[in-house]
Protein backbone atom coordinates (compact mmCIF):
# COMPACT_ATOMS: atom_id res chain seq x y z
CA MET A 1 39.62 31.21 65.67
CA SER A 2 42.87 31.73 67.53
CA ARG A 3 44.27 28.59 69.11
CA PRO A 4 44.30 28.25 72.91
CA ARG A 5 47.78 28.78 74.27
CA LYS A 6 49.39 26.44 76.73
CA PRO A 7 49.48 27.32 80.45
CA THR A 8 52.42 29.58 81.24
CA ILE A 9 53.33 27.86 84.51
CA GLU A 10 53.34 24.31 85.74
CA LEU A 11 50.04 23.65 87.50
CA PRO A 12 49.12 21.08 90.13
CA PRO A 13 46.82 18.21 89.10
CA VAL A 14 43.09 18.86 88.79
CA VAL A 15 41.16 18.16 91.99
CA SER A 16 38.30 15.92 90.90
CA PHE A 17 35.23 14.51 92.59
CA PRO A 18 33.13 11.44 91.80
CA ASP A 19 30.35 12.08 89.29
CA ASP A 20 27.64 11.80 91.95
CA GLN A 21 29.36 14.48 94.05
CA THR A 22 30.01 16.91 91.19
CA LYS A 23 27.46 19.55 90.23
CA VAL A 24 29.43 21.60 87.68
CA ARG A 25 32.38 20.28 85.67
CA ALA A 26 34.60 22.22 83.25
CA ARG A 27 37.21 20.58 81.07
CA GLY A 28 39.63 22.46 78.83
CA LEU A 29 37.56 25.64 78.98
CA ASN A 30 38.92 28.54 76.91
CA ALA A 31 37.12 31.86 76.47
CA TRP A 32 37.64 34.95 74.34
CA PHE A 33 36.32 38.46 73.88
CA GLY A 34 37.11 39.12 70.25
CA ASP A 35 40.78 38.23 69.77
CA LYS A 36 41.59 38.54 73.47
CA GLN A 37 41.70 35.20 75.24
CA VAL A 38 40.65 35.48 78.89
CA LEU A 39 40.41 31.83 80.04
CA PHE A 40 43.04 29.22 79.28
CA ASP A 41 42.35 25.50 79.50
CA VAL A 42 40.42 25.66 82.78
CA SER A 43 39.41 22.29 84.24
CA ILE A 44 37.56 22.16 87.55
CA ASP A 45 34.96 20.09 89.39
CA VAL A 46 32.57 22.11 91.55
CA PRO A 47 31.18 19.78 94.22
CA SER A 48 27.47 19.48 94.94
CA GLN A 49 26.21 21.71 97.74
CA GLY A 50 28.62 23.77 99.79
CA VAL A 51 30.31 27.02 98.77
CA THR A 52 33.16 27.28 96.27
CA ALA A 53 34.99 30.62 96.30
CA ILE A 54 36.89 31.94 93.29
CA ILE A 55 39.64 34.38 94.16
CA GLY A 56 42.31 36.21 92.17
CA PRO A 57 43.31 39.71 91.06
CA SER A 58 41.17 41.88 88.80
CA GLY A 59 41.04 40.67 85.21
CA CYS A 60 42.06 37.10 86.01
CA GLY A 61 38.94 35.50 84.51
CA LYS A 62 36.85 34.87 87.63
CA SER A 63 33.67 36.51 86.37
CA THR A 64 34.10 35.14 82.86
CA PHE A 65 34.28 31.62 84.26
CA VAL A 66 30.98 31.87 86.15
CA ARG A 67 29.31 33.48 83.13
CA CYS A 68 30.37 30.51 81.05
CA VAL A 69 28.57 28.20 83.48
CA ASN A 70 25.14 29.73 82.84
CA ARG A 71 25.82 30.84 79.26
CA MET A 72 25.84 34.55 79.96
CA HIS A 73 29.26 34.78 78.33
CA GLU A 74 27.68 34.21 74.92
CA LEU A 75 25.44 37.26 75.36
CA VAL A 76 28.44 39.47 74.54
CA GLU A 77 28.58 39.81 70.76
CA SER A 78 32.33 39.22 70.44
CA ALA A 79 32.47 36.41 73.00
CA ARG A 80 33.20 32.76 72.24
CA LEU A 81 34.57 29.71 73.97
CA SER A 82 35.83 26.19 73.50
CA GLY A 83 35.95 23.21 75.81
CA GLU A 84 33.25 21.62 77.92
CA VAL A 85 30.98 22.75 80.75
CA SER A 86 28.50 20.29 82.21
CA LEU A 87 25.78 20.41 84.84
CA ASP A 88 24.95 17.10 86.50
CA GLY A 89 26.93 15.38 83.76
CA GLU A 90 25.10 16.99 80.83
CA SER A 91 26.66 19.64 78.60
CA VAL A 92 25.19 23.10 79.15
CA TYR A 93 26.12 23.93 75.55
CA GLY A 94 24.23 21.04 73.99
CA ALA A 95 22.16 21.81 70.89
CA ASP A 96 18.95 20.95 72.73
CA VAL A 97 19.67 23.14 75.79
CA ASP A 98 17.45 26.22 76.15
CA PRO A 99 19.64 28.96 77.71
CA VAL A 100 16.64 30.55 79.44
CA LEU A 101 15.74 27.30 81.17
CA LEU A 102 19.40 26.68 81.97
CA ARG A 103 19.56 30.03 83.75
CA ARG A 104 16.60 28.90 85.81
CA ARG A 105 18.73 25.99 87.05
CA VAL A 106 21.83 28.17 87.41
CA GLY A 107 20.86 31.43 89.08
CA MET A 108 23.02 34.55 89.15
CA VAL A 109 23.47 37.35 91.68
CA PHE A 110 25.55 40.29 90.49
CA GLN A 111 27.99 42.69 92.08
CA LYS A 112 25.56 45.60 92.20
CA PRO A 113 22.05 44.90 93.50
CA ASN A 114 19.77 45.02 90.47
CA PRO A 115 16.14 44.64 91.50
CA PHE A 116 13.57 46.06 89.13
CA PRO A 117 13.30 49.41 90.95
CA THR A 118 9.71 50.34 90.12
CA MET A 119 8.37 46.79 90.34
CA SER A 120 6.94 45.73 93.69
CA ILE A 121 8.91 43.54 96.06
CA ARG A 122 6.41 40.75 95.39
CA ASP A 123 6.73 41.03 91.61
CA ASN A 124 10.52 41.18 91.86
CA VAL A 125 10.51 37.78 93.57
CA LEU A 126 8.13 36.32 90.98
CA ALA A 127 9.92 37.79 87.94
CA GLY A 128 11.92 34.65 87.14
CA LEU A 129 8.87 32.42 87.37
CA LYS A 130 6.99 34.71 85.00
CA LEU A 131 9.92 34.82 82.57
CA THR A 132 10.12 31.03 82.40
CA LYS A 133 6.32 30.72 82.30
CA THR A 134 6.30 28.49 85.38
CA LEU A 135 4.30 30.75 87.70
CA ASP A 136 1.34 29.05 89.34
CA LYS A 137 -0.90 31.85 90.57
CA SER A 138 -2.43 29.59 93.21
CA THR A 139 0.96 29.23 94.93
CA ALA A 140 2.44 32.64 94.11
CA GLU A 141 2.12 34.06 97.62
CA GLN A 142 3.62 30.90 99.08
CA ASN A 143 6.51 31.19 96.63
CA VAL A 144 7.10 34.80 97.66
CA GLU A 145 7.16 34.00 101.37
CA GLN A 146 9.40 30.98 100.90
CA ALA A 147 11.97 32.79 98.73
CA LEU A 148 12.08 35.86 100.97
CA SER A 149 12.42 33.63 104.03
CA GLN A 150 15.29 31.74 102.43
CA ALA A 151 16.94 35.08 101.72
CA ALA A 152 16.42 36.15 105.36
CA LEU A 153 14.29 39.10 104.23
CA TRP A 154 10.70 38.04 104.91
CA ASN A 155 10.42 39.48 108.42
CA GLU A 156 11.70 42.85 107.19
CA VAL A 157 9.37 43.24 104.21
CA ARG A 158 6.31 41.07 104.93
CA ASP A 159 4.16 44.17 105.37
CA ARG A 160 5.73 46.02 102.42
CA LEU A 161 5.30 43.59 99.54
CA ASP A 162 3.53 46.13 97.35
CA GLU A 163 6.28 48.73 97.75
CA PRO A 164 8.84 49.09 94.93
CA GLY A 165 12.02 47.04 95.17
CA GLY A 166 14.02 50.24 94.78
CA SER A 167 12.71 51.50 98.14
CA LEU A 168 14.83 48.97 100.05
CA SER A 169 18.33 49.57 101.41
CA GLY A 170 21.31 48.32 99.42
CA GLY A 171 21.72 45.22 101.55
CA GLN A 172 18.01 44.45 101.40
CA GLN A 173 18.03 44.93 97.62
CA GLN A 174 20.82 42.36 97.33
CA ARG A 175 18.88 39.88 99.45
CA LEU A 176 15.83 40.59 97.26
CA CYS A 177 17.94 39.65 94.23
CA ILE A 178 18.92 36.44 96.02
CA ALA A 179 15.25 35.75 96.75
CA ARG A 180 14.44 36.33 93.07
CA ALA A 181 17.09 33.79 92.10
CA LEU A 182 15.89 31.27 94.70
CA ALA A 183 12.22 31.57 93.73
CA VAL A 184 12.79 29.47 90.60
CA GLN A 185 14.39 26.73 92.73
CA PRO A 186 17.80 26.61 91.03
CA ASP A 187 20.37 23.86 91.40
CA VAL A 188 23.29 26.29 91.43
CA LEU A 189 23.62 29.87 92.65
CA LEU A 190 26.41 31.95 91.11
CA MET A 191 27.36 35.10 93.05
CA ASP A 192 29.69 37.61 91.41
CA GLU A 193 31.15 39.89 94.10
CA PRO A 194 27.76 40.06 95.86
CA CYS A 195 29.02 42.10 98.82
CA SER A 196 31.41 44.54 97.18
CA ALA A 197 28.85 47.35 97.11
CA LEU A 198 27.54 46.68 100.64
CA ASP A 199 28.44 47.98 104.07
CA PRO A 200 29.89 45.62 106.74
CA ILE A 201 26.52 44.96 108.39
CA ALA A 202 24.83 44.06 105.11
CA THR A 203 27.84 41.94 104.17
CA ALA A 204 27.52 40.01 107.42
CA HIS A 205 23.86 39.31 106.59
CA ILE A 206 24.83 37.87 103.20
CA GLU A 207 27.64 35.77 104.68
CA ASP A 208 25.33 34.36 107.36
CA LEU A 209 22.83 33.59 104.63
CA LEU A 210 25.42 31.62 102.65
CA HIS A 211 26.03 29.30 105.60
CA THR A 212 22.33 28.42 105.56
CA LEU A 213 21.86 28.18 101.81
CA LYS A 214 24.85 25.90 101.22
CA GLU A 215 22.98 23.05 102.88
CA HIS A 216 20.54 23.05 99.97
CA TYR A 217 22.37 24.63 97.01
CA THR A 218 25.66 24.54 95.17
CA ILE A 219 27.03 28.07 95.51
CA VAL A 220 29.93 29.62 93.59
CA ILE A 221 31.04 33.02 94.87
CA VAL A 222 33.50 35.30 93.11
CA THR A 223 35.23 37.57 95.60
CA HIS A 224 38.24 39.87 95.88
CA ASN A 225 37.93 39.61 99.66
CA MET A 226 40.14 36.75 100.80
CA GLN A 227 38.89 37.03 104.36
CA GLN A 228 35.38 36.55 103.06
CA ALA A 229 36.45 33.52 101.04
CA ALA A 230 38.03 32.02 104.14
CA ARG A 231 34.89 32.66 106.19
CA VAL A 232 32.21 31.35 103.85
CA SER A 233 33.67 28.74 101.48
CA ASP A 234 34.44 25.05 101.63
CA MET A 235 36.62 24.98 98.48
CA THR A 236 38.68 27.79 96.98
CA ALA A 237 39.88 28.23 93.40
CA PHE A 238 42.68 30.69 92.66
CA PHE A 239 42.73 32.17 89.15
CA LEU A 240 45.63 34.13 87.70
CA SER A 241 45.85 35.59 84.17
CA GLY A 242 43.00 33.37 83.00
CA GLU A 243 44.47 30.14 84.37
CA LEU A 244 43.28 28.03 87.29
CA ILE A 245 46.38 27.92 89.46
CA GLU A 246 45.02 26.07 92.45
CA PHE A 247 41.82 24.44 93.66
CA SER A 248 41.70 22.91 97.10
CA PRO A 249 39.81 22.88 100.41
CA THR A 250 39.71 26.43 101.71
CA SER A 251 41.56 25.57 104.91
CA GLU A 252 44.46 24.24 102.82
CA THR A 253 44.42 27.14 100.38
CA PHE A 254 45.00 29.66 103.14
CA THR A 255 47.29 27.65 105.41
CA ALA A 256 49.25 25.36 103.09
CA PRO A 257 48.86 26.47 99.46
CA ARG A 258 50.27 24.05 96.92
CA HIS A 259 51.57 26.66 94.50
CA GLN A 260 54.00 29.48 95.15
CA ARG A 261 51.86 31.98 93.23
CA THR A 262 48.89 31.20 95.46
CA GLU A 263 50.97 31.86 98.56
CA GLU A 264 52.27 35.11 97.09
CA TYR A 265 48.75 36.28 96.34
CA ILE A 266 47.17 35.45 99.69
CA THR A 267 50.10 37.02 101.56
CA GLY A 268 49.70 40.26 99.61
CA LYS A 269 52.87 40.15 97.53
CA PHE A 270 50.81 41.06 94.47
CA GLY A 271 47.19 41.62 93.55
């Protein structure tokens, strides 16, 4: 295994939170695809509840980081990592951790809406519960209504639950994917560029939804859209070339960044 290299620039100290206010914690996280290292000694505390945005140019390690949190990184044959990632103080890479059950606690919404196109809207919502064998048929309809309501989709599809998920518009499909993730009652919701394939109206729906969901969930959103990060997040992490350059309250990130490279990125000098 190739050895992790040292950070290439001097970084500010890690912003940390007390244990009881931290949902996800990474320490010294390094990640590779084959011989190519893509994360370098990343240490970050993601606070409980609220929205944490991860920004940075393409290829900076944003998506790899969130995939390390719910162990999707390891699904790539050549992928590996070192360091620690914990959820509520317990390692997500412990020998006794079932990755399937972990992904129930740490849900994921991807860049492109990916409902099961021929499966009904109802069955799309229930898919995660069936996969983890936690579906109670006596409460299935209640679960469907609750998840779709949380995703602000219930009123639009309540009379269409038997129609295929692929019949919905792009924005509705993305909210259906959010409902599917919420149905299993996760602790954390990871969102990897969830609005990049959506029009402005659908994007506004998702952003409004985030303001509601953050009262009950810890949300991490990867986004290239700095305006979106400023609108929806409480904390912002800036990644560059696989390194965490800055992590601070969003208002500070965009008005008084601590690092010169952060300022250069948010002012459009590169990216």
